[in-house]
Amino acid sequence: MPPSQSVTDWRTSSRSQGAQNCVEVGRVSGAGAAVRDTKNRTAGHFTTTAPQWQHFVDAIKTGRFDR
């Protein structure tokens, strides 16, 4: 992620119910999303482009990762 882009609006899923074993998702302005570990926020994060993030979300919604 270029230094000029910052991550904002970090949030966890409403389904996490306050648990600390989750990931958080943040917005990267004009570029997609960032993901980090809730238990170790200082370890950093990875970013995705908007199309990559949309493909991932679509796959979750259609059950692609269901066991």
PDB file of N, CA and C in Angstrom:
ATOM      1  N   MET A   1       0.847  -1.169   0.000  1.00  0.00           N
ATOM      2  CA  MET A   1       0.000   0.000   0.000  1.00  0.00           C
ATOM      3  C   MET A   1       0.893   1.232   0.000  1.00  0.00           C
ATOM      4  N   PRO A   2       0.682   2.179  -0.891  1.00  0.00           N
ATOM      5  CA  PRO A   2       1.483   3.396  -0.901  1.00  0.00           C
ATOM      6  C   PRO A   2       1.334   4.164   0.400  1.00  0.00           C
ATOM      7  N   PRO A   3       2.398   4.849   0.836  1.00  0.00           N
ATOM      8  CA  PRO A   3       2.349   5.572   2.115  1.00  0.00           C
ATOM      9  C   PRO A   3       1.255   6.625   2.173  1.00  0.00           C
ATOM     10  N   SER A   4       0.826   7.159   1.036  1.00  0.00           N
ATOM     11  CA  SER A   4      -0.182   8.208   1.040  1.00  0.00           C
ATOM     12  C   SER A   4      -1.578   7.682   1.354  1.00  0.00           C
ATOM     13  N   GLN A   5      -1.763   6.384   1.295  1.00  0.00           N
ATOM     14  CA  GLN A   5      -3.073   5.809   1.587  1.00  0.00           C
ATOM     15  C   GLN A   5      -3.105   5.268   3.003  1.00  0.00           C
ATOM     16  N   SER A   6      -4.094   5.694   3.754  1.00  0.00           N
ATOM     17  CA  SER A   6      -4.206   5.198   5.115  1.00  0.00           C
ATOM     18  C   SER A   6      -5.432   4.307   5.242  1.00  0.00           C
ATOM     19  N   VAL A   7      -5.393   3.477   6.254  1.00  0.00           N
ATOM     20  CA  VAL A   7      -6.501   2.570   6.532  1.00  0.00           C
ATOM     21  C   VAL A   7      -7.376   3.219   7.591  1.00  0.00           C
ATOM     22  N   THR A   8      -8.678   3.226   7.338  1.00  0.00           N
ATOM     23  CA  THR A   8      -9.630   3.823   8.279  1.00  0.00           C
ATOM     24  C   THR A   8     -10.774   2.857   8.541  1.00  0.00           C
ATOM     25  N   ASP A   9     -11.561   3.189   9.527  1.00  0.00           N
ATOM     26  CA  ASP A   9     -12.796   2.460   9.832  1.00  0.00           C
ATOM     27  C   ASP A   9     -12.583   0.973  10.096  1.00  0.00           C
ATOM     28  N   TRP A  10     -11.578   0.617  10.902  1.00  0.00           N
ATOM     29  CA  TRP A  10     -11.376  -0.791  11.257  1.00  0.00           C
ATOM     30  C   TRP A  10     -12.617  -1.300  11.969  1.00  0.00           C
ATOM     31  N   ARG A  11     -13.053  -2.506  11.633  1.00  0.00           N
ATOM     32  CA  ARG A  11     -14.215  -3.101  12.300  1.00  0.00           C
ATOM     33  C   ARG A  11     -14.127  -4.617  12.273  1.00  0.00           C
ATOM     34  N   THR A  12     -14.825  -5.226  13.206  1.00  0.00           N
ATOM     35  CA  THR A  12     -14.931  -6.682  13.241  1.00  0.00           C
ATOM     36  C   THR A  12     -16.354  -7.059  12.844  1.00  0.00           C
ATOM     37  N   SER A  13     -16.545  -8.295  12.521  1.00  0.00           N
ATOM     38  CA  SER A  13     -17.863  -8.776  12.143  1.00  0.00           C
ATOM     39  C   SER A  13     -18.816  -8.692  13.331  1.00  0.00           C
ATOM     40  N   SER A  14     -20.063  -8.397  13.047  1.00  0.00           N
ATOM     41  CA  SER A  14     -21.069  -8.394  14.117  1.00  0.00           C
ATOM     42  C   SER A  14     -21.256  -9.796  14.681  1.00  0.00           C
ATOM     43  N   ARG A  15     -20.855 -10.809  13.926  1.00  0.00           N
ATOM     44  CA  ARG A  15     -20.969 -12.196  14.391  1.00  0.00           C
ATOM     45  C   ARG A  15     -19.848 -12.609  15.340  1.00  0.00           C
ATOM     46  N   SER A  16     -18.842 -11.766  15.511  1.00  0.00           N
ATOM     47  CA  SER A  16     -17.739 -12.115  16.409  1.00  0.00           C
ATOM     48  C   SER A  16     -18.157 -12.024  17.870  1.00  0.00           C
ATOM     49  N   GLN A  17     -19.213 -11.299  18.165  1.00  0.00           N
ATOM     50  CA  GLN A  17     -19.780 -11.191  19.511  1.00  0.00           C
ATOM     51  C   GLN A  17     -18.741 -10.855  20.572  1.00  0.00           C
ATOM     52  N   GLY A  18     -17.854  -9.935  20.253  1.00  0.00           N
ATOM     53  CA  GLY A  18     -16.869  -9.484  21.223  1.00  0.00           C
ATOM     54  C   GLY A  18     -15.691 -10.411  21.415  1.00  0.00           C
ATOM     55  N   ALA A  19     -15.617 -11.492  20.694  1.00  0.00           N
ATOM     56  CA  ALA A  19     -14.489 -12.429  20.821  1.00  0.00           C
ATOM     57  C   ALA A  19     -13.207 -11.773  20.323  1.00  0.00           C
ATOM     58  N   GLN A  20     -12.087 -12.229  20.831  1.00  0.00           N
ATOM     59  CA  GLN A  20     -10.797 -11.669  20.432  1.00  0.00           C
ATOM     60  C   GLN A  20     -10.058 -12.563  19.438  1.00  0.00           C
ATOM     61  N   ASN A  21     -10.732 -13.509  18.838  1.00  0.00           N
ATOM     62  CA  ASN A  21     -10.076 -14.415  17.883  1.00  0.00           C
ATOM     63  C   ASN A  21     -10.629 -14.164  16.479  1.00  0.00           C
ATOM     64  N   CYS A  22     -10.636 -12.901  16.098  1.00  0.00           N
ATOM     65  CA  CYS A  22     -11.237 -12.501  14.832  1.00  0.00           C
ATOM     66  C   CYS A  22     -10.226 -11.732  13.994  1.00  0.00           C
ATOM     67  N   VAL A  23     -10.667 -11.375  12.830  1.00  0.00           N
ATOM     68  CA  VAL A  23      -9.911 -10.437  12.022  1.00  0.00           C
ATOM     69  C   VAL A  23     -10.717  -9.153  11.940  1.00  0.00           C
ATOM     70  N   GLU A  24     -10.019  -8.072  11.643  1.00  0.00           N
ATOM     71  CA  GLU A  24     -10.663  -6.783  11.448  1.00  0.00           C
ATOM     72  C   GLU A  24     -10.450  -6.370  10.002  1.00  0.00           C
ATOM     73  N   VAL A  25     -11.418  -5.662   9.472  1.00  0.00           N
ATOM     74  CA  VAL A  25     -11.348  -5.163   8.106  1.00  0.00           C
ATOM     75  C   VAL A  25     -11.414  -3.651   8.152  1.00  0.00           C
ATOM     76  N   GLY A  26     -10.551  -3.015   7.376  1.00  0.00           N
ATOM     77  CA  GLY A  26     -10.556  -1.561   7.291  1.00  0.00           C
ATOM     78  C   GLY A  26     -10.669  -1.103   5.847  1.00  0.00           C
ATOM     79  N   ARG A  27     -11.009   0.145   5.682  1.00  0.00           N
ATOM     80  CA  ARG A  27     -11.115   0.736   4.342  1.00  0.00           C
ATOM     81  C   ARG A  27      -9.778   1.338   3.931  1.00  0.00           C
ATOM     82  N   VAL A  28      -9.430   1.119   2.675  1.00  0.00           N
ATOM     83  CA  VAL A  28      -8.276   1.774   2.075  1.00  0.00           C
ATOM     84  C   VAL A  28      -8.855   2.674   0.991  1.00  0.00           C
ATOM     85  N   SER A  29      -8.725   3.969   1.168  1.00  0.00           N
ATOM     86  CA  SER A  29      -9.398   4.895   0.263  1.00  0.00           C
ATOM     87  C   SER A  29      -9.021   4.647  -1.196  1.00  0.00           C
ATOM     88  N   GLY A  30     -10.037   4.382  -1.994  1.00  0.00           N
ATOM     89  CA  GLY A  30      -9.855   4.177  -3.417  1.00  0.00           C
ATOM     90  C   GLY A  30      -9.138   2.911  -3.817  1.00  0.00           C
ATOM     91  N   ALA A  31      -8.825   2.045  -2.831  1.00  0.00           N
ATOM     92  CA  ALA A  31      -8.003   0.890  -3.186  1.00  0.00           C
ATOM     93  C   ALA A  31      -8.559  -0.448  -2.730  1.00  0.00           C
ATOM     94  N   GLY A  32      -9.582  -0.480  -1.907  1.00  0.00           N
ATOM     95  CA  GLY A  32     -10.100  -1.768  -1.477  1.00  0.00           C
ATOM     96  C   GLY A  32     -10.185  -1.899   0.016  1.00  0.00           C
ATOM     97  N   ALA A  33      -9.566  -2.959   0.553  1.00  0.00           N
ATOM     98  CA  ALA A  33      -9.699  -3.264   1.975  1.00  0.00           C
ATOM     99  C   ALA A  33      -8.355  -3.683   2.565  1.00  0.00           C
ATOM    100  N   ALA A  34      -8.282  -3.580   3.883  1.00  0.00           N
ATOM    101  CA  ALA A  34      -7.127  -4.055   4.637  1.00  0.00           C
ATOM    102  C   ALA A  34      -7.639  -5.036   5.683  1.00  0.00           C
ATOM    103  N   VAL A  35      -6.834  -6.032   6.018  1.00  0.00           N
ATOM    104  CA  VAL A  35      -7.224  -7.055   6.983  1.00  0.00           C
ATOM    105  C   VAL A  35      -6.094  -7.236   7.988  1.00  0.00           C
ATOM    106  N   ARG A  36      -6.451  -7.336   9.279  1.00  0.00           N
ATOM    107  CA  ARG A  36      -5.454  -7.566  10.332  1.00  0.00           C
ATOM    108  C   ARG A  36      -6.033  -8.483  11.400  1.00  0.00           C
ATOM    109  N   ASP A  37      -5.149  -9.035  12.212  1.00  0.00           N
ATOM    110  CA  ASP A  37      -5.516  -9.933  13.303  1.00  0.00           C
ATOM    111  C   ASP A  37      -5.916  -9.113  14.527  1.00  0.00           C
ATOM    112  N   THR A  38      -7.083  -9.374  15.071  1.00  0.00           N
ATOM    113  CA  THR A  38      -7.564  -8.640  16.238  1.00  0.00           C
ATOM    114  C   THR A  38      -6.647  -8.826  17.444  1.00  0.00           C
ATOM    115  N   LYS A  39      -6.072 -10.012  17.590  1.00  0.00           N
ATOM    116  CA  LYS A  39      -5.225 -10.295  18.754  1.00  0.00           C
ATOM    117  C   LYS A  39      -3.853  -9.634  18.648  1.00  0.00           C
ATOM    118  N   ASN A  40      -3.429  -9.269  17.446  1.00  0.00           N
ATOM    119  CA  ASN A  40      -2.090  -8.705  17.277  1.00  0.00           C
ATOM    120  C   ASN A  40      -2.141  -7.579  16.245  1.00  0.00           C
ATOM    121  N   ARG A  41      -2.803  -6.518  16.590  1.00  0.00           N
ATOM    122  CA  ARG A  41      -3.000  -5.401  15.663  1.00  0.00           C
ATOM    123  C   ARG A  41      -1.694  -4.752  15.228  1.00  0.00           C
ATOM    124  N   THR A  42      -0.691  -4.783  16.074  1.00  0.00           N
ATOM    125  CA  THR A  42       0.581  -4.135  15.742  1.00  0.00           C
ATOM    126  C   THR A  42       1.432  -4.960  14.778  1.00  0.00           C
ATOM    127  N   ALA A  43       1.012  -6.171  14.474  1.00  0.00           N
ATOM    128  CA  ALA A  43       1.790  -7.026  13.562  1.00  0.00           C
ATOM    129  C   ALA A  43       1.668  -6.590  12.108  1.00  0.00           C
ATOM    130  N   GLY A  44       0.755  -5.690  11.832  1.00  0.00           N
ATOM    131  CA  GLY A  44       0.581  -5.215  10.468  1.00  0.00           C
ATOM    132  C   GLY A  44      -0.704  -5.728   9.855  1.00  0.00           C
ATOM    133  N   HIS A  45      -0.833  -5.500   8.570  1.00  0.00           N
ATOM    134  CA  HIS A  45      -2.044  -5.885   7.857  1.00  0.00           C
ATOM    135  C   HIS A  45      -1.686  -6.130   6.396  1.00  0.00           C
ATOM    136  N   PHE A  46      -2.618  -6.760   5.680  1.00  0.00           N
ATOM    137  CA  PHE A  46      -2.444  -6.871   4.233  1.00  0.00           C
ATOM    138  C   PHE A  46      -3.597  -6.140   3.563  1.00  0.00           C
ATOM    139  N   THR A  47      -3.365  -5.720   2.340  1.00  0.00           N
ATOM    140  CA  THR A  47      -4.390  -4.989   1.614  1.00  0.00           C
ATOM    141  C   THR A  47      -4.781  -5.735   0.344  1.00  0.00           C
ATOM    142  N   THR A  48      -5.971  -5.441  -0.125  1.00  0.00           N
ATOM    143  CA  THR A  48      -6.469  -5.994  -1.378  1.00  0.00           C
ATOM    144  C   THR A  48      -7.006  -4.852  -2.231  1.00  0.00           C
ATOM    145  N   THR A  49      -7.095  -5.097  -3.505  1.00  0.00           N
ATOM    146  CA  THR A  49      -7.743  -4.123  -4.376  1.00  0.00           C
ATOM    147  C   THR A  49      -9.252  -4.271  -4.209  1.00  0.00           C
ATOM    148  N   ALA A  50      -9.987  -3.293  -4.673  1.00  0.00           N
ATOM    149  CA  ALA A  50     -11.448  -3.368  -4.589  1.00  0.00           C
ATOM    150  C   ALA A  50     -11.998  -4.592  -5.325  1.00  0.00           C
ATOM    151  N   PRO A  51     -11.525  -4.901  -6.553  1.00  0.00           N
ATOM    152  CA  PRO A  51     -12.035  -6.103  -7.228  1.00  0.00           C
ATOM    153  C   PRO A  51     -11.690  -7.403  -6.492  1.00  0.00           C
ATOM    154  N   GLN A  52     -10.488  -7.497  -5.942  1.00  0.00           N
ATOM    155  CA  GLN A  52     -10.113  -8.696  -5.184  1.00  0.00           C
ATOM    156  C   GLN A  52     -11.027  -8.874  -3.982  1.00  0.00           C
ATOM    157  N   TRP A  53     -11.259  -7.801  -3.262  1.00  0.00           N
ATOM    158  CA  TRP A  53     -12.114  -7.874  -2.073  1.00  0.00           C
ATOM    159  C   TRP A  53     -13.527  -8.271  -2.454  1.00  0.00           C
ATOM    160  N   GLN A  54     -14.058  -7.720  -3.537  1.00  0.00           N
ATOM    161  CA  GLN A  54     -15.411  -8.051  -3.969  1.00  0.00           C
ATOM    162  C   GLN A  54     -15.527  -9.522  -4.359  1.00  0.00           C
ATOM    163  N   HIS A  55     -14.512 -10.055  -5.036  1.00  0.00           N
ATOM    164  CA  HIS A  55     -14.519 -11.481  -5.388  1.00  0.00           C
ATOM    165  C   HIS A  55     -14.513 -12.352  -4.131  1.00  0.00           C
ATOM    166  N   PHE A  56     -13.737 -11.962  -3.143  1.00  0.00           N
ATOM    167  CA  PHE A  56     -13.669 -12.703  -1.889  1.00  0.00           C
ATOM    168  C   PHE A  56     -15.020 -12.681  -1.175  1.00  0.00           C
ATOM    169  N   VAL A  57     -15.615 -11.507  -1.058  1.00  0.00           N
ATOM    170  CA  VAL A  57     -16.913 -11.383  -0.393  1.00  0.00           C
ATOM    171  C   VAL A  57     -17.980 -12.178  -1.145  1.00  0.00           C
ATOM    172  N   ASP A  58     -17.971 -12.100  -2.464  1.00  0.00           N
ATOM    173  CA  ASP A  58     -18.934 -12.871  -3.258  1.00  0.00           C
ATOM    174  C   ASP A  58     -18.774 -14.368  -3.025  1.00  0.00           C
ATOM    175  N   ALA A  59     -17.527 -14.836  -2.926  1.00  0.00           N
ATOM    176  CA  ALA A  59     -17.276 -16.262  -2.685  1.00  0.00           C
ATOM    177  C   ALA A  59     -17.815 -16.686  -1.318  1.00  0.00           C
ATOM    178  N   ILE A  60     -17.661 -15.838  -0.324  1.00  0.00           N
ATOM    179  CA  ILE A  60     -18.205 -16.146   1.003  1.00  0.00           C
ATOM    180  C   ILE A  60     -19.727 -16.230   0.942  1.00  0.00           C
ATOM    181  N   LYS A  61     -20.338 -15.246   0.311  1.00  0.00           N
ATOM    182  CA  LYS A  61     -21.799 -15.213   0.251  1.00  0.00           C
ATOM    183  C   LYS A  61     -22.400 -16.380  -0.504  1.00  0.00           C
ATOM    184  N   THR A  62     -21.683 -16.912  -1.465  1.00  0.00           N
ATOM    185  CA  THR A  62     -22.209 -18.055  -2.243  1.00  0.00           C
ATOM    186  C   THR A  62     -21.822 -19.402  -1.654  1.00  0.00           C
ATOM    187  N   GLY A  63     -21.130 -19.406  -0.499  1.00  0.00           N
ATOM    188  CA  GLY A  63     -20.798 -20.644   0.185  1.00  0.00           C
ATOM    189  C   GLY A  63     -19.584 -21.365  -0.343  1.00  0.00           C
ATOM    190  N   ARG A  64     -18.758 -20.698  -1.109  1.00  0.00           N
ATOM    191  CA  ARG A  64     -17.584 -21.359  -1.696  1.00  0.00           C
ATOM    192  C   ARG A  64     -16.650 -21.965  -0.647  1.00  0.00           C
ATOM    193  N   PHE A  65     -16.575 -21.339   0.517  1.00  0.00           N
ATOM    194  CA  PHE A  65     -15.648 -21.798   1.546  1.00  0.00           C
ATOM    195  C   PHE A  65     -16.324 -22.651   2.615  1.00  0.00           C
ATOM    196  N   ASP A  66     -17.603 -22.941   2.454  1.00  0.00           N
ATOM    197  CA  ASP A  66     -18.310 -23.774   3.435  1.00  0.00           C
ATOM    198  C   ASP A  66     -17.733 -25.174   3.412  1.00  0.00           C
ATOM    199  N   ARG A  67     -17.712 -25.792   4.560  1.00  0.00           N
ATOM    200  CA  ARG A  67     -17.193 -27.163   4.656  1.00  0.00           C
ATOM    201  C   ARG A  67     -18.289 -28.148   4.442  1.00  0.00           C
TER     202      ARG A  67
END
